[in-house]
Structure formats: structure tokens, C-alpha cells
Amino acid sequence: MEAYYIGVDVGTSSVRAGLFTSLGRIVTTAVKGIKIWEPEPEYYEQSSEDIWNACCRTVQEIIKNVDVNKVQGLGFDATCSLVALDVQCQPITVSPSGDNCRNVIMWMDHRAKDQAARINTAGHPVLKYVGGNISLEMETPKLLWLKEVYP
């Protein structure tokens, strides 16, 4: 029985999926775009529902001509973005627009400049594990921003 493996890459502007043989040969691929909002300078937002739908559509597309019983594995990778959900695991806004669909702060979002600066100024010993300074692309400044702006 020929075995297949699925790889899904959630990137900045699209989801890419590939179907591979056990020897690593590409059988087929699919790509679906992801919407990005920029409501203010340096604010970059997405929708977790849009991302999940793109994941589902790409996987459905690559397996449409394959016996799914032959799929032996599935792997995901993704950019480092922050997804906000409420206590019922429903999308909750991170956006000045107030739109709950915009519940992802993207890795390239720089709204938490002040929070990153304060974290770096504090000089906490944990900073040695991130190269001495926390980057704006990391989650910690964004979490602090959310705590301060959307308590």
C-alpha cells in the first residue's frame, strides 16, 4: 500500500498544503490566500476562522483524488501569531475596528512597541533566553499590550 503524508504550512499571507509519498515525492499541492487587515500603521490582523478555512480547503483539495485511508500522517507549521478567543473559544477582537473576526495579531504587528521596551528595560534574567532583548515579533509584548488595552 502506497502511504501518503500531508504537510500544511500556515504562512503570513497564505496556507500551503502538500501531499507527499513516503519517499518525499510531491504528489500535489494547493494554496489559499489569507486576508490581512492593517487598520492602523504597524497593526496587522487576521481571522483565525479565515486561516482555519484555508487549512481545510487546501487539505480537501490535495486529497480529493486519493484514498484517505492511505494518508498516514499530517504535519503543521505556522508563523508566530497570537490568536485571541473568549471563554467559549470564540473569536474575540484584537482590533480597533471592534470586529471579532479580527482576532489574530500577526507576527509582524508592532503595536506593542512600548510594552517591548518596558520588558527589555526591566532586565529580567529570562531575557538571556531570547538573546538579551525581547523582539516585537514575540508574544510576550503583545500579551502585555492586550492586558493593558483590553483588560
C-alpha atoms as a PDB file:
ATOM      1  CA  MET A   1       0.000   0.000   0.000  1.00  0.00           C
ATOM      2  CA  GLU A   2       1.368   3.393  -1.012  1.00  0.00           C
ATOM      3  CA  ALA A   3       1.477   5.697   2.026  1.00  0.00           C
ATOM      4  CA  TYR A   4       0.906   9.430   1.820  1.00  0.00           C
ATOM      5  CA  TYR A   5       1.725  12.274   4.161  1.00  0.00           C
ATOM      6  CA  ILE A   6       0.260  15.767   4.337  1.00  0.00           C
ATOM      7  CA  GLY A   7       2.195  18.898   5.207  1.00  0.00           C
ATOM      8  CA  VAL A   8       0.432  22.191   5.926  1.00  0.00           C
ATOM      9  CA  ASP A   9       2.301  25.488   6.169  1.00  0.00           C
ATOM     10  CA  VAL A  10       0.377  28.467   7.557  1.00  0.00           C
ATOM     11  CA  GLY A  11       2.367  31.446   6.334  1.00  0.00           C
ATOM     12  CA  THR A  12       1.928  35.188   6.513  1.00  0.00           C
ATOM     13  CA  SER A  13      -0.383  35.576   3.541  1.00  0.00           C
ATOM     14  CA  SER A  14      -1.395  32.051   2.549  1.00  0.00           C
ATOM     15  CA  VAL A  15      -1.845  28.453   3.605  1.00  0.00           C
ATOM     16  CA  ARG A  16       0.051  25.900   1.559  1.00  0.00           C
ATOM     17  CA  ALA A  17      -0.600  22.166   1.707  1.00  0.00           C
ATOM     18  CA  GLY A  18       1.271  19.337   0.065  1.00  0.00           C
ATOM     19  CA  LEU A  19       0.650  15.637  -0.370  1.00  0.00           C
ATOM     20  CA  PHE A  20       3.841  13.567  -0.315  1.00  0.00           C
ATOM     21  CA  THR A  21       4.811   9.945  -0.787  1.00  0.00           C
ATOM     22  CA  SER A  22       6.764   8.082   1.867  1.00  0.00           C
ATOM     23  CA  LEU A  23       9.898   8.844  -0.181  1.00  0.00           C
ATOM     24  CA  GLY A  24       9.183  12.584  -0.076  1.00  0.00           C
ATOM     25  CA  ARG A  25       7.959  12.944  -3.665  1.00  0.00           C
ATOM     26  CA  ILE A  26       5.420  15.744  -4.101  1.00  0.00           C
ATOM     27  CA  VAL A  27       2.134  14.343  -5.385  1.00  0.00           C
ATOM     28  CA  THR A  28       0.159  17.589  -5.398  1.00  0.00           C
ATOM     29  CA  THR A  29      -0.039  20.977  -3.684  1.00  0.00           C
ATOM     30  CA  ALA A  30      -2.645  23.649  -3.006  1.00  0.00           C
ATOM     31  CA  VAL A  31      -2.502  27.278  -1.884  1.00  0.00           C
ATOM     32  CA  LYS A  32      -5.220  29.516  -0.432  1.00  0.00           C
ATOM     33  CA  GLY A  33      -4.769  33.167   0.480  1.00  0.00           C
ATOM     34  CA  ILE A  34      -5.360  34.620   3.926  1.00  0.00           C
ATOM     35  CA  LYS A  35      -6.800  38.111   4.379  1.00  0.00           C
ATOM     36  CA  ILE A  36      -4.652  40.670   6.214  1.00  0.00           C
ATOM     37  CA  TRP A  37      -6.058  43.867   7.704  1.00  0.00           C
ATOM     38  CA  GLU A  38      -3.984  46.920   8.572  1.00  0.00           C
ATOM     39  CA  PRO A  39      -6.398  49.172  10.494  1.00  0.00           C
ATOM     40  CA  GLU A  40      -3.603  51.470  11.661  1.00  0.00           C
ATOM     41  CA  PRO A  41       0.068  51.815  10.783  1.00  0.00           C
ATOM     42  CA  GLU A  42       2.011  48.813  12.114  1.00  0.00           C
ATOM     43  CA  TYR A  43      -1.159  46.945  13.129  1.00  0.00           C
ATOM     44  CA  TYR A  44      -1.537  43.668  11.203  1.00  0.00           C
ATOM     45  CA  GLU A  45      -4.525  41.455  11.880  1.00  0.00           C
ATOM     46  CA  GLN A  46      -6.071  38.268  10.574  1.00  0.00           C
ATOM     47  CA  SER A  47      -9.015  35.994  11.289  1.00  0.00           C
ATOM     48  CA  SER A  48      -8.455  32.567  12.855  1.00  0.00           C
ATOM     49  CA  GLU A  49     -11.612  31.368  11.105  1.00  0.00           C
ATOM     50  CA  ASP A  50     -10.204  32.502   7.743  1.00  0.00           C
ATOM     51  CA  ILE A  51      -6.929  30.704   8.484  1.00  0.00           C
ATOM     52  CA  TRP A  52      -8.711  27.504   9.560  1.00  0.00           C
ATOM     53  CA  ASN A  53     -10.960  27.584   6.482  1.00  0.00           C
ATOM     54  CA  ALA A  54      -7.889  27.960   4.258  1.00  0.00           C
ATOM     55  CA  CYS A  55      -6.297  24.960   6.033  1.00  0.00           C
ATOM     56  CA  CYS A  56      -9.408  22.866   5.454  1.00  0.00           C
ATOM     57  CA  ARG A  57      -9.789  23.900   1.797  1.00  0.00           C
ATOM     58  CA  THR A  58      -6.147  23.196   0.923  1.00  0.00           C
ATOM     59  CA  VAL A  59      -6.200  19.773   2.562  1.00  0.00           C
ATOM     60  CA  GLN A  60      -9.518  18.892   0.915  1.00  0.00           C
ATOM     61  CA  GLU A  61      -8.074  19.914  -2.440  1.00  0.00           C
ATOM     62  CA  ILE A  62      -4.929  17.787  -2.176  1.00  0.00           C
ATOM     63  CA  ILE A  63      -6.736  14.631  -1.045  1.00  0.00           C
ATOM     64  CA  LYS A  64      -9.635  14.773  -3.493  1.00  0.00           C
ATOM     65  CA  ASN A  65      -8.115  12.078  -5.751  1.00  0.00           C
ATOM     66  CA  VAL A  66      -6.523   9.919  -3.045  1.00  0.00           C
ATOM     67  CA  ASP A  67      -7.816   7.102  -0.859  1.00  0.00           C
ATOM     68  CA  VAL A  68      -7.719   8.880   2.520  1.00  0.00           C
ATOM     69  CA  ASN A  69      -7.065   5.545   4.226  1.00  0.00           C
ATOM     70  CA  LYS A  70      -3.588   5.728   2.680  1.00  0.00           C
ATOM     71  CA  VAL A  71      -2.798   9.011   4.470  1.00  0.00           C
ATOM     72  CA  GLN A  72      -0.504   8.056   7.327  1.00  0.00           C
ATOM     73  CA  GLY A  73       0.427  11.425   8.798  1.00  0.00           C
ATOM     74  CA  LEU A  74      -0.293  15.127   8.959  1.00  0.00           C
ATOM     75  CA  GLY A  75       2.115  17.884   9.961  1.00  0.00           C
ATOM     76  CA  PHE A  76       1.528  21.590  10.546  1.00  0.00           C
ATOM     77  CA  ASP A  77       3.760  24.598  10.915  1.00  0.00           C
ATOM     78  CA  ALA A  78       2.766  28.213  11.326  1.00  0.00           C
ATOM     79  CA  THR A  79       4.030  31.720  11.822  1.00  0.00           C
ATOM     80  CA  CYS A  80       4.168  33.027  15.388  1.00  0.00           C
ATOM     81  CA  SER A  81       0.929  34.947  15.627  1.00  0.00           C
ATOM     82  CA  LEU A  82      -1.340  35.484  18.613  1.00  0.00           C
ATOM     83  CA  VAL A  83      -4.934  34.208  18.451  1.00  0.00           C
ATOM     84  CA  ALA A  84      -7.488  35.676  20.887  1.00  0.00           C
ATOM     85  CA  LEU A  85     -10.517  33.606  21.934  1.00  0.00           C
ATOM     86  CA  ASP A  86     -13.126  34.196  24.622  1.00  0.00           C
ATOM     87  CA  VAL A  87     -14.006  31.713  27.387  1.00  0.00           C
ATOM     88  CA  GLN A  88     -16.285  29.832  24.951  1.00  0.00           C
ATOM     89  CA  CYS A  89     -13.338  29.545  22.497  1.00  0.00           C
ATOM     90  CA  GLN A  90     -14.981  32.003  20.114  1.00  0.00           C
ATOM     91  CA  PRO A  91     -13.003  34.721  18.286  1.00  0.00           C
ATOM     92  CA  ILE A  92     -12.693  37.974  20.211  1.00  0.00           C
ATOM     93  CA  THR A  93     -11.394  41.185  18.704  1.00  0.00           C
ATOM     94  CA  VAL A  94      -7.834  42.453  18.997  1.00  0.00           C
ATOM     95  CA  SER A  95      -8.690  45.253  16.598  1.00  0.00           C
ATOM     96  CA  PRO A  96      -9.555  48.923  16.959  1.00  0.00           C
ATOM     97  CA  SER A  97     -12.334  48.078  14.481  1.00  0.00           C
ATOM     98  CA  GLY A  98     -14.124  46.032  17.171  1.00  0.00           C
ATOM     99  CA  ASP A  99     -14.693  43.238  14.625  1.00  0.00           C
ATOM    100  CA  ASN A 100     -14.493  39.870  16.427  1.00  0.00           C
ATOM    101  CA  CYS A 101     -13.406  38.232  13.169  1.00  0.00           C
ATOM    102  CA  ARG A 102     -10.125  40.117  13.508  1.00  0.00           C
ATOM    103  CA  ASN A 103      -8.801  38.036  16.381  1.00  0.00           C
ATOM    104  CA  VAL A 104      -5.207  37.428  15.296  1.00  0.00           C
ATOM    105  CA  ILE A 105      -2.297  39.776  15.970  1.00  0.00           C
ATOM    106  CA  MET A 106       0.234  38.845  13.324  1.00  0.00           C
ATOM    107  CA  TRP A 107       3.945  38.278  13.992  1.00  0.00           C
ATOM    108  CA  MET A 108       4.829  41.457  12.048  1.00  0.00           C
ATOM    109  CA  ASP A 109       2.490  43.649  14.107  1.00  0.00           C
ATOM    110  CA  HIS A 110       4.329  46.362  16.070  1.00  0.00           C
ATOM    111  CA  ARG A 111       1.536  47.823  18.205  1.00  0.00           C
ATOM    112  CA  ALA A 112       3.331  46.649  21.369  1.00  0.00           C
ATOM    113  CA  LYS A 113       6.477  48.803  20.962  1.00  0.00           C
ATOM    114  CA  ASP A 114       6.094  50.417  24.378  1.00  0.00           C
ATOM    115  CA  GLN A 115       5.474  47.074  26.084  1.00  0.00           C
ATOM    116  CA  ALA A 116       8.559  45.515  24.448  1.00  0.00           C
ATOM    117  CA  ALA A 117      10.668  48.478  25.527  1.00  0.00           C
ATOM    118  CA  ARG A 118       9.444  48.181  29.131  1.00  0.00           C
ATOM    119  CA  ILE A 119      10.118  44.439  29.181  1.00  0.00           C
ATOM    120  CA  ASN A 120      13.648  44.966  27.850  1.00  0.00           C
ATOM    121  CA  THR A 121      14.336  47.809  30.288  1.00  0.00           C
ATOM    122  CA  ALA A 122      13.318  45.609  33.232  1.00  0.00           C
ATOM    123  CA  GLY A 123      16.376  43.407  32.660  1.00  0.00           C
ATOM    124  CA  HIS A 124      14.696  40.227  33.890  1.00  0.00           C
ATOM    125  CA  PRO A 125      17.029  37.180  33.847  1.00  0.00           C
ATOM    126  CA  VAL A 126      14.655  35.364  31.481  1.00  0.00           C
ATOM    127  CA  LEU A 127      15.785  37.737  28.708  1.00  0.00           C
ATOM    128  CA  LYS A 128      19.026  35.762  28.433  1.00  0.00           C
ATOM    129  CA  TYR A 129      16.963  33.005  26.785  1.00  0.00           C
ATOM    130  CA  VAL A 130      15.821  35.322  23.979  1.00  0.00           C
ATOM    131  CA  GLY A 131      19.170  36.846  23.082  1.00  0.00           C
ATOM    132  CA  GLY A 132      19.100  39.580  25.741  1.00  0.00           C
ATOM    133  CA  ASN A 133      16.166  41.508  24.259  1.00  0.00           C
ATOM    134  CA  ILE A 134      12.602  40.536  23.528  1.00  0.00           C
ATOM    135  CA  SER A 135      11.517  41.153  19.956  1.00  0.00           C
ATOM    136  CA  LEU A 136       8.316  42.903  18.949  1.00  0.00           C
ATOM    137  CA  GLU A 137       7.509  39.788  16.927  1.00  0.00           C
ATOM    138  CA  MET A 138       7.328  37.656  20.088  1.00  0.00           C
ATOM    139  CA  GLU A 139       4.131  37.018  22.003  1.00  0.00           C
ATOM    140  CA  THR A 140       5.046  38.487  25.391  1.00  0.00           C
ATOM    141  CA  PRO A 141       4.834  42.197  24.415  1.00  0.00           C
ATOM    142  CA  LYS A 142       1.581  41.509  22.559  1.00  0.00           C
ATOM    143  CA  LEU A 143       0.085  39.742  25.568  1.00  0.00           C
ATOM    144  CA  LEU A 144       1.044  42.688  27.764  1.00  0.00           C
ATOM    145  CA  TRP A 145      -0.498  45.076  25.208  1.00  0.00           C
ATOM    146  CA  LEU A 146      -3.741  43.065  25.296  1.00  0.00           C
ATOM    147  CA  LYS A 147      -3.751  43.086  29.092  1.00  0.00           C
ATOM    148  CA  GLU A 148      -3.345  46.861  29.139  1.00  0.00           C
ATOM    149  CA  VAL A 149      -5.667  47.782  26.254  1.00  0.00           C
ATOM    150  CA  TYR A 150      -8.351  45.075  26.555  1.00  0.00           C
ATOM    151  CA  PRO A 151      -8.295  44.189  30.300  1.00  0.00           C
END
